[in-house]
C-alpha atoms as a PDB file:
ATOM      1  CA  MET A   1      -8.671 -30.403  33.161  1.00  0.00           C
ATOM      2  CA  THR A   2     -11.307 -28.495  35.255  1.00  0.00           C
ATOM      3  CA  LEU A   3     -10.007 -26.957  38.565  1.00  0.00           C
ATOM      4  CA  ALA A   4     -13.016 -27.190  41.281  1.00  0.00           C
ATOM      5  CA  LEU A   5     -11.252 -23.747  43.555  1.00  0.00           C
ATOM      6  CA  THR A   6     -13.344 -23.698  47.192  1.00  0.00           C
ATOM      7  CA  VAL A   7     -12.940 -19.908  48.561  1.00  0.00           C
ATOM      8  CA  ARG A   8     -13.272 -18.220  51.377  1.00  0.00           C
ATOM      9  CA  LYS A   9     -15.775 -15.751  52.026  1.00  0.00           C
ATOM     10  CA  PHE A  10     -15.200 -12.468  53.934  1.00  0.00           C
ATOM     11  CA  ILE A  11     -18.501 -10.917  55.592  1.00  0.00           C
ATOM     12  CA  CYS A  12     -18.044  -6.793  56.133  1.00  0.00           C
ATOM     13  CA  GLY A  13     -19.848  -5.492  58.972  1.00  0.00           C
ATOM     14  CA  VAL A  14     -19.888  -2.179  58.072  1.00  0.00           C
ATOM     15  CA  PRO A  15     -23.191  -0.977  58.126  1.00  0.00           C
ATOM     16  CA  ALA A  16     -22.504   1.617  55.280  1.00  0.00           C
ATOM     17  CA  CYS A  17     -20.857  -0.696  53.465  1.00  0.00           C
ATOM     18  CA  SER A  18     -22.063  -1.272  49.701  1.00  0.00           C
ATOM     19  CA  HIS A  19     -20.521  -4.988  49.701  1.00  0.00           C
ATOM     20  CA  LYS A  20     -21.609  -7.245  51.990  1.00  0.00           C
ATOM     21  CA  ILE A  21     -20.046 -10.205  51.215  1.00  0.00           C
ATOM     22  CA  PHE A  22     -16.205 -10.603  49.528  1.00  0.00           C
ATOM     23  CA  THR A  23     -14.845 -13.399  48.101  1.00  0.00           C
ATOM     24  CA  GLU A  24     -11.088 -14.442  48.443  1.00  0.00           C
ATOM     25  CA  ARG A  25      -8.865 -13.360  45.773  1.00  0.00           C
ATOM     26  CA  MET A  26      -6.184 -15.236  43.776  1.00  0.00           C
ATOM     27  CA  PRO A  27      -4.779 -12.517  41.729  1.00  0.00           C
ATOM     28  CA  ASP A  28      -1.552 -15.068  40.858  1.00  0.00           C
ATOM     29  CA  PHE A  29      -2.947 -18.056  40.439  1.00  0.00           C
ATOM     30  CA  VAL A  30      -6.760 -17.132  38.050  1.00  0.00           C
ATOM     31  CA  ARG A  31      -8.658 -13.847  37.369  1.00  0.00           C
ATOM     32  CA  PRO A  32     -12.147 -13.143  39.094  1.00  0.00           C
ATOM     33  CA  TYR A  33     -14.978 -14.635  37.018  1.00  0.00           C
ATOM     34  CA  ALA A  34     -12.363 -16.248  34.466  1.00  0.00           C
ATOM     35  CA  ARG A  35     -12.422 -20.028  32.678  1.00  0.00           C
ATOM     36  CA  LEU A  36      -9.097 -19.703  32.544  1.00  0.00           C
ATOM     37  CA  THR A  37      -6.124 -19.667  34.365  1.00  0.00           C
ATOM     38  CA  ASN A  38      -3.357 -17.383  34.190  1.00  0.00           C
ATOM     39  CA  ARG A  39      -0.773 -19.773  32.852  1.00  0.00           C
ATOM     40  CA  LEU A  40      -3.450 -21.133  30.170  1.00  0.00           C
ATOM     41  CA  LEU A  41      -4.725 -17.504  28.882  1.00  0.00           C
ATOM     42  CA  GLN A  42      -0.899 -16.580  28.850  1.00  0.00           C
ATOM     43  CA  ALA A  43      -0.168 -19.399  26.858  1.00  0.00           C
ATOM     44  CA  LEU A  44      -3.358 -19.468  24.654  1.00  0.00           C
ATOM     45  CA  GLN A  45      -2.326 -15.298  23.467  1.00  0.00           C
ATOM     46  CA  ASP A  46       1.119 -16.386  23.130  1.00  0.00           C
ATOM     47  CA  VAL A  47       0.357 -19.158  19.953  1.00  0.00           C
ATOM     48  CA  GLY A  48      -1.891 -16.221  19.040  1.00  0.00           C
ATOM     49  CA  VAL A  49       0.472 -13.653  19.055  1.00  0.00           C
ATOM     50  CA  ALA A  50       3.245 -16.210  16.862  1.00  0.00           C
ATOM     51  CA  THR A  51       0.315 -17.301  14.605  1.00  0.00           C
ATOM     52  CA  CYS A  52      -2.557 -16.294  13.772  1.00  0.00           C
ATOM     53  CA  ALA A  53      -6.304 -16.844  15.192  1.00  0.00           C
ATOM     54  CA  GLU A  54      -7.002 -19.788  12.222  1.00  0.00           C
ATOM     55  CA  ALA A  55      -3.487 -21.202  12.923  1.00  0.00           C
ATOM     56  CA  GLY A  56      -3.637 -21.180  16.300  1.00  0.00           C
ATOM     57  CA  VAL A  57      -6.867 -22.991  16.394  1.00  0.00           C
ATOM     58  CA  ARG A  58      -5.119 -25.207  14.894  1.00  0.00           C
ATOM     59  CA  LEU A  59      -2.250 -25.548  16.624  1.00  0.00           C
ATOM     60  CA  ALA A  60      -3.633 -25.202  20.167  1.00  0.00           C
ATOM     61  CA  PRO A  61      -4.965 -29.136  20.018  1.00  0.00           C
ATOM     62  CA  LYS A  62      -1.335 -30.002  19.593  1.00  0.00           C
ATOM     63  CA  LEU A  63      -0.595 -28.498  22.482  1.00  0.00           C
ATOM     64  CA  GLY A  64      -3.299 -29.993  24.862  1.00  0.00           C
ATOM     65  CA  MET A  65      -5.196 -26.792  24.456  1.00  0.00           C
ATOM     66  CA  SER A  66      -8.755 -26.056  22.841  1.00  0.00           C
ATOM     67  CA  VAL A  67     -10.348 -22.441  21.284  1.00  0.00           C
ATOM     68  CA  THR A  68     -11.932 -21.185  19.261  1.00  0.00           C
ATOM     69  CA  ALA A  69     -10.931 -18.698  16.794  1.00  0.00           C
ATOM     70  CA  THR A  70     -12.852 -15.810  18.173  1.00  0.00           C
ATOM     71  CA  THR A  71     -12.167 -16.453  21.336  1.00  0.00           C
ATOM     72  CA  LEU A  72      -8.654 -16.606  20.226  1.00  0.00           C
ATOM     73  CA  LEU A  73      -8.766 -13.061  19.012  1.00  0.00           C
ATOM     74  CA  ARG A  74     -10.308 -12.062  22.184  1.00  0.00           C
ATOM     75  CA  ARG A  75      -8.023 -12.996  24.388  1.00  0.00           C
ATOM     76  CA  MET A  76      -4.960 -11.543  22.145  1.00  0.00           C
ATOM     77  CA  ARG A  77      -6.955  -8.689  22.046  1.00  0.00           C
ATOM     78  CA  GLU A  78      -7.351  -8.398  26.760  1.00  0.00           C
ATOM     79  CA  ARG A  79      -2.769  -8.334  26.168  1.00  0.00           C
ATOM     80  CA  SER A  80      -2.154  -4.143  27.798  1.00  0.00           C
ATOM     81  CA  VAL A  81       0.299  -2.880  24.725  1.00  0.00           C
ATOM     82  CA  PRO A  82       3.545  -1.728  26.977  1.00  0.00           C
ATOM     83  CA  THR A  83       4.024   2.480  26.581  1.00  0.00           C
ATOM     84  CA  PRO A  84       6.144   3.446  24.142  1.00  0.00           C
ATOM     85  CA  ASP A  85       9.628   4.570  25.311  1.00  0.00           C
ATOM     86  CA  ALA A  86      11.379   7.779  23.951  1.00  0.00           C
ATOM     87  CA  VAL A  87      11.633   7.973  20.069  1.00  0.00           C
ATOM     88  CA  ARG A  88      14.111   9.515  18.663  1.00  0.00           C
ATOM     89  CA  ILE A  89      13.636   8.778  14.875  1.00  0.00           C
ATOM     90  CA  LEU A  90       9.959   8.061  14.278  1.00  0.00           C
ATOM     91  CA  GLY A  91       8.261   6.958  10.741  1.00  0.00           C
ATOM     92  CA  VAL A  92       4.663   8.146  10.327  1.00  0.00           C
ATOM     93  CA  ASP A  93       2.616   6.846   6.917  1.00  0.00           C
ATOM     94  CA  ASP A  94      -1.000   5.638   7.055  1.00  0.00           C
ATOM     95  CA  TRP A  95      -2.672   2.359   7.679  1.00  0.00           C
ATOM     96  CA  ALA A  96      -5.455   0.347   6.060  1.00  0.00           C
ATOM     97  CA  TRP A  97      -7.376  -0.699   8.368  1.00  0.00           C
ATOM     98  CA  ARG A  98      -9.734  -1.942   5.541  1.00  0.00           C
ATOM     99  CA  LYS A  99      -8.361  -1.351   2.353  1.00  0.00           C
ATOM    100  CA  GLY A 100      -9.995   1.246   0.122  1.00  0.00           C
ATOM    101  CA  MET A 101     -12.900   2.195   2.914  1.00  0.00           C
ATOM    102  CA  THR A 102     -11.112   3.292   6.466  1.00  0.00           C
ATOM    103  CA  TYR A 103      -7.546   4.338   7.142  1.00  0.00           C
ATOM    104  CA  GLY A 104      -5.633   4.981  10.072  1.00  0.00           C
ATOM    105  CA  SER A 105      -1.663   6.171  10.950  1.00  0.00           C
ATOM    106  CA  ILE A 106       1.014   3.715  11.805  1.00  0.00           C
ATOM    107  CA  LEU A 107       3.730   5.099  13.526  1.00  0.00           C
ATOM    108  CA  VAL A 108       7.195   3.424  13.599  1.00  0.00           C
ATOM    109  CA  ASP A 109      10.418   3.528  15.688  1.00  0.00           C
ATOM    110  CA  LEU A 110      13.066   3.491  12.866  1.00  0.00           C
ATOM    111  CA  GLU A 111      15.910   2.601  15.488  1.00  0.00           C
ATOM    112  CA  ARG A 112      14.477  -0.241  16.581  1.00  0.00           C
ATOM    113  CA  ARG A 113      12.661  -1.169  13.519  1.00  0.00           C
ATOM    114  CA  CYS A 114       9.212  -1.993  15.171  1.00  0.00           C
ATOM    115  CA  PRO A 115       5.757  -0.061  15.242  1.00  0.00           C
ATOM    116  CA  ILE A 116       4.985   1.377  18.521  1.00  0.00           C
ATOM    117  CA  GLU A 117       1.346   2.616  17.979  1.00  0.00           C
ATOM    118  CA  ILE A 118      -1.470   2.834  15.333  1.00  0.00           C
ATOM    119  CA  LEU A 119      -4.070   5.675  15.090  1.00  0.00           C
ATOM    120  CA  PRO A 120      -7.767   5.656  14.354  1.00  0.00           C
ATOM    121  CA  ASP A 121      -7.557   7.792  11.304  1.00  0.00           C
ATOM    122  CA  ARG A 122      -5.202   9.978   9.519  1.00  0.00           C
ATOM    123  CA  LYS A 123      -5.738  13.322  10.379  1.00  0.00           C
ATOM    124  CA  ALA A 124      -3.765  15.872  11.130  1.00  0.00           C
ATOM    125  CA  GLU A 125      -5.335  16.687  14.892  1.00  0.00           C
ATOM    126  CA  THR A 126      -4.734  13.282  15.610  1.00  0.00           C
ATOM    127  CA  VAL A 127      -1.125  12.988  15.287  1.00  0.00           C
ATOM    128  CA  GLU A 128      -0.407  16.358  16.280  1.00  0.00           C
ATOM    129  CA  ALA A 129      -2.058  15.262  19.358  1.00  0.00           C
ATOM    130  CA  TRP A 130       0.402  12.025  20.040  1.00  0.00           C
ATOM    131  CA  LEU A 131       3.451  14.201  18.964  1.00  0.00           C
ATOM    132  CA  ARG A 132       3.194  16.686  21.198  1.00  0.00           C
ATOM    133  CA  LEU A 133       3.131  13.784  23.968  1.00  0.00           C
ATOM    134  CA  HIS A 134       6.677  13.043  22.917  1.00  0.00           C
ATOM    135  CA  PRO A 135       8.825  16.561  22.413  1.00  0.00           C
ATOM    136  CA  GLU A 136      11.856  14.070  22.472  1.00  0.00           C
ATOM    137  CA  ILE A 137      11.997  12.873  18.913  1.00  0.00           C
ATOM    138  CA  GLU A 138      14.457  14.468  16.630  1.00  0.00           C
ATOM    139  CA  VAL A 139      13.722  13.354  13.167  1.00  0.00           C
ATOM    140  CA  VAL A 140      10.051  12.406  11.485  1.00  0.00           C
ATOM    141  CA  SER A 141      10.104  10.459   8.351  1.00  0.00           C
ATOM    142  CA  ARG A 142       6.977  11.186   6.534  1.00  0.00           C
ATOM    143  CA  ASP A 143       5.489  10.481   3.153  1.00  0.00           C
ATOM    144  CA  ARG A 144       3.716  13.350   0.616  1.00  0.00           C
ATOM    145  CA  ALA A 145       1.112  14.088   2.381  1.00  0.00           C
ATOM    146  CA  GLY A 146      -0.280  17.405   3.516  1.00  0.00           C
ATOM    147  CA  ALA A 147      -1.996  16.377   6.732  1.00  0.00           C
ATOM    148  CA  TYR A 148       0.913  14.615   8.031  1.00  0.00           C
ATOM    149  CA  ALA A 149       3.413  17.611   7.305  1.00  0.00           C
ATOM    150  CA  GLU A 150       1.084  19.999   8.706  1.00  0.00           C
ATOM    151  CA  ALA A 151       0.691  17.847  12.137  1.00  0.00           C
ATOM    152  CA  VAL A 152       4.870  17.798  12.472  1.00  0.00           C
ATOM    153  CA  ARG A 153       4.979  21.496  12.191  1.00  0.00           C
ATOM    154  CA  LYS A 154       2.744  22.078  14.824  1.00  0.00           C
ATOM    155  CA  GLY A 155       3.180  19.001  16.760  1.00  0.00           C
ATOM    156  CA  ALA A 156       6.898  18.102  16.778  1.00  0.00           C
ATOM    157  CA  PRO A 157       8.253  21.541  15.342  1.00  0.00           C
ATOM    158  CA  GLN A 158      11.568  20.877  17.007  1.00  0.00           C
ATOM    159  CA  ALA A 159      11.967  17.721  14.795  1.00  0.00           C
ATOM    160  CA  LEU A 160      13.315  17.562  11.793  1.00  0.00           C
ATOM    161  CA  GLU A 161      11.291  16.178   8.693  1.00  0.00           C
ATOM    162  CA  VAL A 162      12.864  13.735   5.759  1.00  0.00           C
ATOM    163  CA  ALA A 163      11.192  11.693   3.094  1.00  0.00           C
ATOM    164  CA  ASP A 164      11.378   8.126   3.075  1.00  0.00           C
ATOM    165  CA  ARG A 165      13.136   5.818   0.983  1.00  0.00           C
ATOM    166  CA  PHE A 166       9.996   4.831  -1.041  1.00  0.00           C
ATOM    167  CA  HIS A 167       9.179   7.670  -1.780  1.00  0.00           C
ATOM    168  CA  LEU A 168      12.466   9.164  -2.473  1.00  0.00           C
ATOM    169  CA  LEU A 169      12.287   6.914  -5.396  1.00  0.00           C
ATOM    170  CA  LYS A 170       9.298   7.488  -6.057  1.00  0.00           C
ATOM    171  CA  ASN A 171       9.585  10.783  -7.169  1.00  0.00           C
ATOM    172  CA  LEU A 172      12.779   9.428  -8.808  1.00  0.00           C
ATOM    173  CA  ARG A 173      10.218   7.725 -11.105  1.00  0.00           C
ATOM    174  CA  GLU A 174       7.612  10.091 -11.438  1.00  0.00           C
ATOM    175  CA  HIS A 175      10.534  12.817 -12.768  1.00  0.00           C
ATOM    176  CA  LEU A 176      12.380  10.209 -15.060  1.00  0.00           C
ATOM    177  CA  ARG A 177       8.528   9.272 -16.610  1.00  0.00           C
ATOM    178  CA  ASP A 178       7.931  12.890 -17.209  1.00  0.00           C
ATOM    179  CA  PHE A 179      11.234  13.595 -18.925  1.00  0.00           C
ATOM    180  CA  LEU A 180      10.893  10.534 -20.800  1.00  0.00           C
ATOM    181  CA  LEU A 181       7.457  11.835 -22.187  1.00  0.00           C
ATOM    182  CA  ARG A 182       9.047  14.952 -23.357  1.00  0.00           C
ATOM    183  CA  LYS A 183      11.709  13.163 -24.757  1.00  0.00           C
ATOM    184  CA  HIS A 184       9.778  10.237 -26.517  1.00  0.00           C
ATOM    185  CA  THR A 185      10.470  11.797 -30.154  1.00  0.00           C
ATOM    186  CA  LEU A 186      14.135  11.291 -29.450  1.00  0.00           C
ATOM    187  CA  LEU A 187      14.300   8.290 -28.161  1.00  0.00           C
ATOM    188  CA  PRO A 188      14.157   6.081 -31.172  1.00  0.00           C
ATOM    189  CA  GLU A 189      16.951   8.283 -33.016  1.00  0.00           C
ATOM    190  CA  ALA A 190      18.986   7.987 -29.940  1.00  0.00           C
ATOM    191  CA  GLU A 191      18.617   4.526 -30.107  1.00  0.00           C
ATOM    192  CA  GLU A 192      19.839   4.054 -33.872  1.00  0.00           C
ATOM    193  CA  VAL A 193      23.290   6.234 -33.276  1.00  0.00           C
ATOM    194  CA  VAL A 194      23.845   4.202 -29.763  1.00  0.00           C
ATOM    195  CA  SER A 195      27.370   2.537 -29.844  1.00  0.00           C
ATOM    196  CA  ASP A 196      28.099  -0.655 -30.689  1.00  0.00           C
ATOM    197  CA  ALA A 197      30.016  -1.324 -27.930  1.00  0.00           C
ATOM    198  CA  ILE A 198      27.072  -2.021 -25.937  1.00  0.00           C
ATOM    199  CA  PRO A 199      26.036  -5.277 -25.288  1.00  0.00           C
ATOM    200  CA  GLN A 200      22.218  -6.140 -26.307  1.00  0.00           C
ATOM    201  CA  LYS A 201      21.127  -7.369 -22.577  1.00  0.00           C
ATOM    202  CA  ALA A 202      21.924  -3.857 -21.219  1.00  0.00           C
ATOM    203  CA  ARG A 203      19.596  -2.185 -24.106  1.00  0.00           C
ATOM    204  CA  GLY A 204      16.723  -4.783 -23.053  1.00  0.00           C
ATOM    205  CA  ARG A 205      17.359  -7.142 -25.874  1.00  0.00           C
ATOM    206  CA  PRO A 206      17.660 -10.588 -25.456  1.00  0.00           C
ATOM    207  CA  LYS A 207      21.004 -12.052 -26.480  1.00  0.00           C
ATOM    208  CA  ASN A 208      21.675 -13.624 -29.819  1.00  0.00           C
ATOM    209  CA  ALA A 209      17.931 -12.695 -30.807  1.00  0.00           C
ATOM    210  CA  SER A 210      16.580 -10.764 -33.398  1.00  0.00           C
ATOM    211  CA  SER A 211      12.756 -10.407 -32.191  1.00  0.00           C
ATOM    212  CA  VAL A 212      11.112 -10.562 -28.900  1.00  0.00           C
ATOM    213  CA  THR A 213       8.632 -13.347 -28.012  1.00  0.00           C
ATOM    214  CA  PRO A 214       5.154 -11.997 -26.874  1.00  0.00           C
ATOM    215  CA  PRO A 215       4.729 -12.377 -23.546  1.00  0.00           C
ATOM    216  CA  ALA A 216       2.039 -14.795 -22.750  1.00  0.00           C
ATOM    217  CA  ASP A 217      -0.745 -12.512 -21.564  1.00  0.00           C
ATOM    218  CA  GLN A 218      -1.269 -11.603 -25.330  1.00  0.00           C
ATOM    219  CA  GLU A 219      -2.113 -15.255 -25.822  1.00  0.00           C
ATOM    220  CA  LYS A 220      -4.849 -14.448 -23.735  1.00  0.00           C
ATOM    221  CA  PRO A 221      -8.785 -14.058 -24.569  1.00  0.00           C
ATOM    222  CA  LEU A 222      -8.417 -10.523 -22.746  1.00  0.00           C
ATOM    223  CA  PHE A 223      -5.487  -9.440 -25.018  1.00  0.00           C
ATOM    224  CA  ARG A 224      -6.612 -10.988 -28.535  1.00  0.00           C
ATOM    225  CA  LYS A 225      -8.682  -8.349 -29.359  1.00  0.00           C
ATOM    226  CA  MET A 226      -5.893  -5.798 -28.112  1.00  0.00           C
ATOM    227  CA  SER A 227      -3.137  -7.413 -30.091  1.00  0.00           C
ATOM    228  CA  ALA A 228      -5.473  -7.589 -33.297  1.00  0.00           C
ATOM    229  CA  SER A 229      -5.704  -4.061 -33.161  1.00  0.00           C
ATOM    230  CA  LEU A 230      -2.010  -3.439 -32.679  1.00  0.00           C
ATOM    231  CA  ARG A 231      -1.224  -5.664 -35.822  1.00  0.00           C
ATOM    232  CA  GLU A 232      -3.724  -3.772 -38.233  1.00  0.00           C
ATOM    233  CA  TYR A 233      -1.756  -0.782 -37.516  1.00  0.00           C
ATOM    234  CA  GLU A 234       1.621  -2.516 -38.243  1.00  0.00           C
ATOM    235  CA  ASP A 235       0.182  -3.487 -41.456  1.00  0.00           C
ATOM    236  CA  ARG A 236      -1.001  -0.239 -42.231  1.00  0.00           C
ATOM    237  CA  THR A 237       2.036   1.832 -41.252  1.00  0.00           C
ATOM    238  CA  THR A 238       3.799  -0.446 -43.427  1.00  0.00           C
ATOM    239  CA  SER A 239       2.495   1.013 -46.409  1.00  0.00           C
ATOM    240  CA  GLN A 240       3.315   4.734 -45.337  1.00  0.00           C
ATOM    241  CA  THR A 241       6.667   5.022 -45.746  1.00  0.00           C
ATOM    242  CA  GLN A 242       6.468   8.583 -46.203  1.00  0.00           C
ATOM    243  CA  VAL A 243       5.355   9.101 -42.273  1.00  0.00           C
ATOM    244  CA  THR A 244       8.585  10.042 -40.154  1.00  0.00           C
ATOM    245  CA  LEU A 245       9.474   8.596 -36.967  1.00  0.00           C
ATOM    246  CA  ALA A 246       8.125  11.169 -34.699  1.00  0.00           C
ATOM    247  CA  GLN A 247       4.409  10.760 -36.441  1.00  0.00           C
ATOM    248  CA  GLU A 248       4.423   6.936 -36.180  1.00  0.00           C
ATOM    249  CA  ARG A 249       5.340   6.818 -32.849  1.00  0.00           C
ATOM    250  CA  LYS A 250       2.667   8.703 -31.561  1.00  0.00           C
ATOM    251  CA  GLN A 251       0.086   6.862 -33.832  1.00  0.00           C
ATOM    252  CA  ALA A 252       1.419   3.387 -32.221  1.00  0.00           C
ATOM    253  CA  SER A 253       0.979   5.270 -28.902  1.00  0.00           C
ATOM    254  CA  ARG A 254      -3.280   5.921 -29.733  1.00  0.00           C
ATOM    255  CA  ALA A 255      -3.294   2.553 -31.744  1.00  0.00           C
ATOM    256  CA  ARG A 256      -2.504   1.440 -27.784  1.00  0.00           C
ATOM    257  CA  ARG A 257      -4.242   4.044 -26.107  1.00  0.00           C
ATOM    258  CA  TYR A 258      -7.299   2.854 -28.482  1.00  0.00           C
ATOM    259  CA  ALA A 259      -7.279  -0.595 -28.116  1.00  0.00           C
ATOM    260  CA  CYS A 260      -7.033  -0.257 -24.418  1.00  0.00           C
ATOM    261  CA  TYR A 261     -10.078   1.554 -24.609  1.00  0.00           C
ATOM    262  CA  GLU A 262     -12.295  -0.423 -26.511  1.00  0.00           C
ATOM    263  CA  ALA A 263     -11.353  -4.087 -23.864  1.00  0.00           C
ATOM    264  CA  VAL A 264     -12.346  -1.544 -21.011  1.00  0.00           C
ATOM    265  CA  ARG A 265     -15.891  -0.662 -22.982  1.00  0.00           C
ATOM    266  CA  GLU A 266     -16.147  -4.171 -23.903  1.00  0.00           C
ATOM    267  CA  LEU A 267     -15.485  -5.345 -20.136  1.00  0.00           C
ATOM    268  CA  HIS A 268     -17.666  -2.815 -19.011  1.00  0.00           C
ATOM    269  CA  GLN A 269     -20.867  -3.951 -20.778  1.00  0.00           C
ATOM    270  CA  GLN A 270     -20.126  -7.470 -19.289  1.00  0.00           C
ATOM    271  CA  ASP A 271     -20.589  -5.813 -16.039  1.00  0.00           C
ATOM    272  CA  PHE A 272     -17.156  -6.019 -14.549  1.00  0.00           C
ATOM    273  CA  SER A 273     -16.402  -3.499 -12.064  1.00  0.00           C
ATOM    274  CA  GLY A 274     -13.408  -1.002 -12.320  1.00  0.00           C
ATOM    275  CA  ARG A 275     -11.358  -2.630  -9.448  1.00  0.00           C
ATOM    276  CA  GLU A 276     -11.396  -5.968 -11.777  1.00  0.00           C
ATOM    277  CA  ILE A 277     -11.190  -4.818 -15.020  1.00  0.00           C
ATOM    278  CA  ALA A 278      -8.225  -2.743 -14.281  1.00  0.00           C
ATOM    279  CA  ARG A 279      -6.771  -5.849 -12.882  1.00  0.00           C
ATOM    280  CA  ARG A 280      -6.868  -7.941 -15.665  1.00  0.00           C
ATOM    281  CA  LEU A 281      -6.149  -5.302 -18.387  1.00  0.00           C
ATOM    282  CA  GLN A 282      -3.419  -3.934 -15.459  1.00  0.00           C
ATOM    283  CA  LEU A 283      -4.287  -0.654 -15.657  1.00  0.00           C
ATOM    284  CA  SER A 284      -5.009   2.263 -13.248  1.00  0.00           C
ATOM    285  CA  ARG A 285      -7.999   1.813 -12.039  1.00  0.00           C
ATOM    286  CA  HIS A 286      -7.952   6.173 -12.796  1.00  0.00           C
ATOM    287  CA  LYS A 287      -7.046   5.439 -16.677  1.00  0.00           C
ATOM    288  CA  VAL A 288     -10.072   2.740 -16.669  1.00  0.00           C
ATOM    289  CA  MET A 289     -12.771   5.399 -15.140  1.00  0.00           C
ATOM    290  CA  GLN A 290     -11.767   7.783 -17.557  1.00  0.00           C
ATOM    291  CA  PHE A 291     -12.551   5.459 -20.074  1.00  0.00           C
ATOM    292  CA  ILE A 292     -15.955   4.029 -18.692  1.00  0.00           C
ATOM    293  CA  GLN A 293     -17.546   7.242 -18.355  1.00  0.00           C
ATOM    294  CA  ALA A 294     -15.921   9.063 -21.481  1.00  0.00           C
ATOM    295  CA  GLU A 295     -18.688   9.317 -24.114  1.00  0.00           C
ATOM    296  CA  GLY A 296     -16.128   8.583 -27.096  1.00  0.00           C
ATOM    297  CA  PHE A 297     -12.225   8.625 -27.259  1.00  0.00           C
ATOM    298  CA  PRO A 298     -10.237  10.847 -25.031  1.00  0.00           C
ATOM    299  CA  GLU A 299      -7.830  12.351 -27.860  1.00  0.00           C
ATOM    300  CA  ARG A 300      -5.204  13.102 -26.085  1.00  0.00           C
ATOM    301  CA  VAL A 301      -4.532  17.393 -26.366  1.00  0.00           C
ATOM    302  CA  PRO A 302      -0.991  18.508 -27.506  1.00  0.00           C
ATOM    303  CA  SER A 303       0.040  20.391 -24.435  1.00  0.00           C
ATOM    304  CA  VAL A 304       1.467  23.818 -24.686  1.00  0.00           C
ATOM    305  CA  PRO A 305       4.925  24.387 -23.361  1.00  0.00           C
ATOM    306  CA  LYS A 306       5.232  26.909 -21.021  1.00  0.00           C
ATOM    307  CA  PRO A 307       7.427  30.229 -21.336  1.00  0.00           C
ATOM    308  CA  SER A 308      10.532  29.880 -19.453  1.00  0.00           C
ATOM    309  CA  ILE A 309      13.041  32.478 -17.403  1.00  0.00           C
ATOM    310  CA  LEU A 310      15.604  31.148 -19.171  1.00  0.00           C
ATOM    311  CA  ASP A 311      14.305  32.094 -22.719  1.00  0.00           C
ATOM    312  CA  PRO A 312      15.718  35.030 -23.024  1.00  0.00           C
ATOM    313  CA  TYR A 313      19.044  33.217 -22.990  1.00  0.00           C
ATOM    314  CA  LYS A 314      18.694  30.514 -25.055  1.00  0.00           C
ATOM    315  CA  PRO A 315      19.790  32.000 -28.139  1.00  0.00           C
END
């Protein structure tokens, strides 16, 4: 439908006025120079916010409206965002404008469970400037980034800093992993003397099964070489009956690392990127880059235990 509007024009009689001709406005119906009525613009914005640009383009014709994806995005950006109300408990975390490239900061009202602001970067100065405008903040939940900690100390000194639930669990996982790595030589011995009253399911073993079925990934071509290396190691270690349990676990760990090292080098020679290698082998990108940049297989250097203030009292 096309609406043809006839509006009045007014001529200003003041010689010093820069605008000689004024056109009658109808702000409740249509904006100046607009090609859509206010009602149609509001409807398109609601469709875009409720779905997205591509889904909105497919839905709009069924509602009697025709629009392109770029136009719908442009209309959505025109919607004004209301100024956030008083915030008492604030959550701060980084936000990926483009993952791995550009990051910003997202601020969330944790009481209302909704985002209230997205900052263009994650610098301490930017977050600090926003916090100074909201002295009513009482609690700030943040991650372990030093920039956010500095911003909260300077911009909201009255607020209590707490760690969010995700990073609390992450801290627990990292410390538990470090503890188990230090005690990995004792774990098989503890497993041998474990009480029979503990069900097999609680010990991570399938019920009424003596062996665990290998995962499906081991049947894929990418994991065949790693599986062959592990089987070769198992055949070799079977004949070495004099090897202690701790030495066997260390050798098994080295065999797994060496199999991963060979798989990474092979994929790298096939011009796969580090990100793709990490995704295929389910390794961290840091570990993949370490294997790629190493001139040879990086052996683990045994760590020297640091002296403790409790050493004089241990006897």
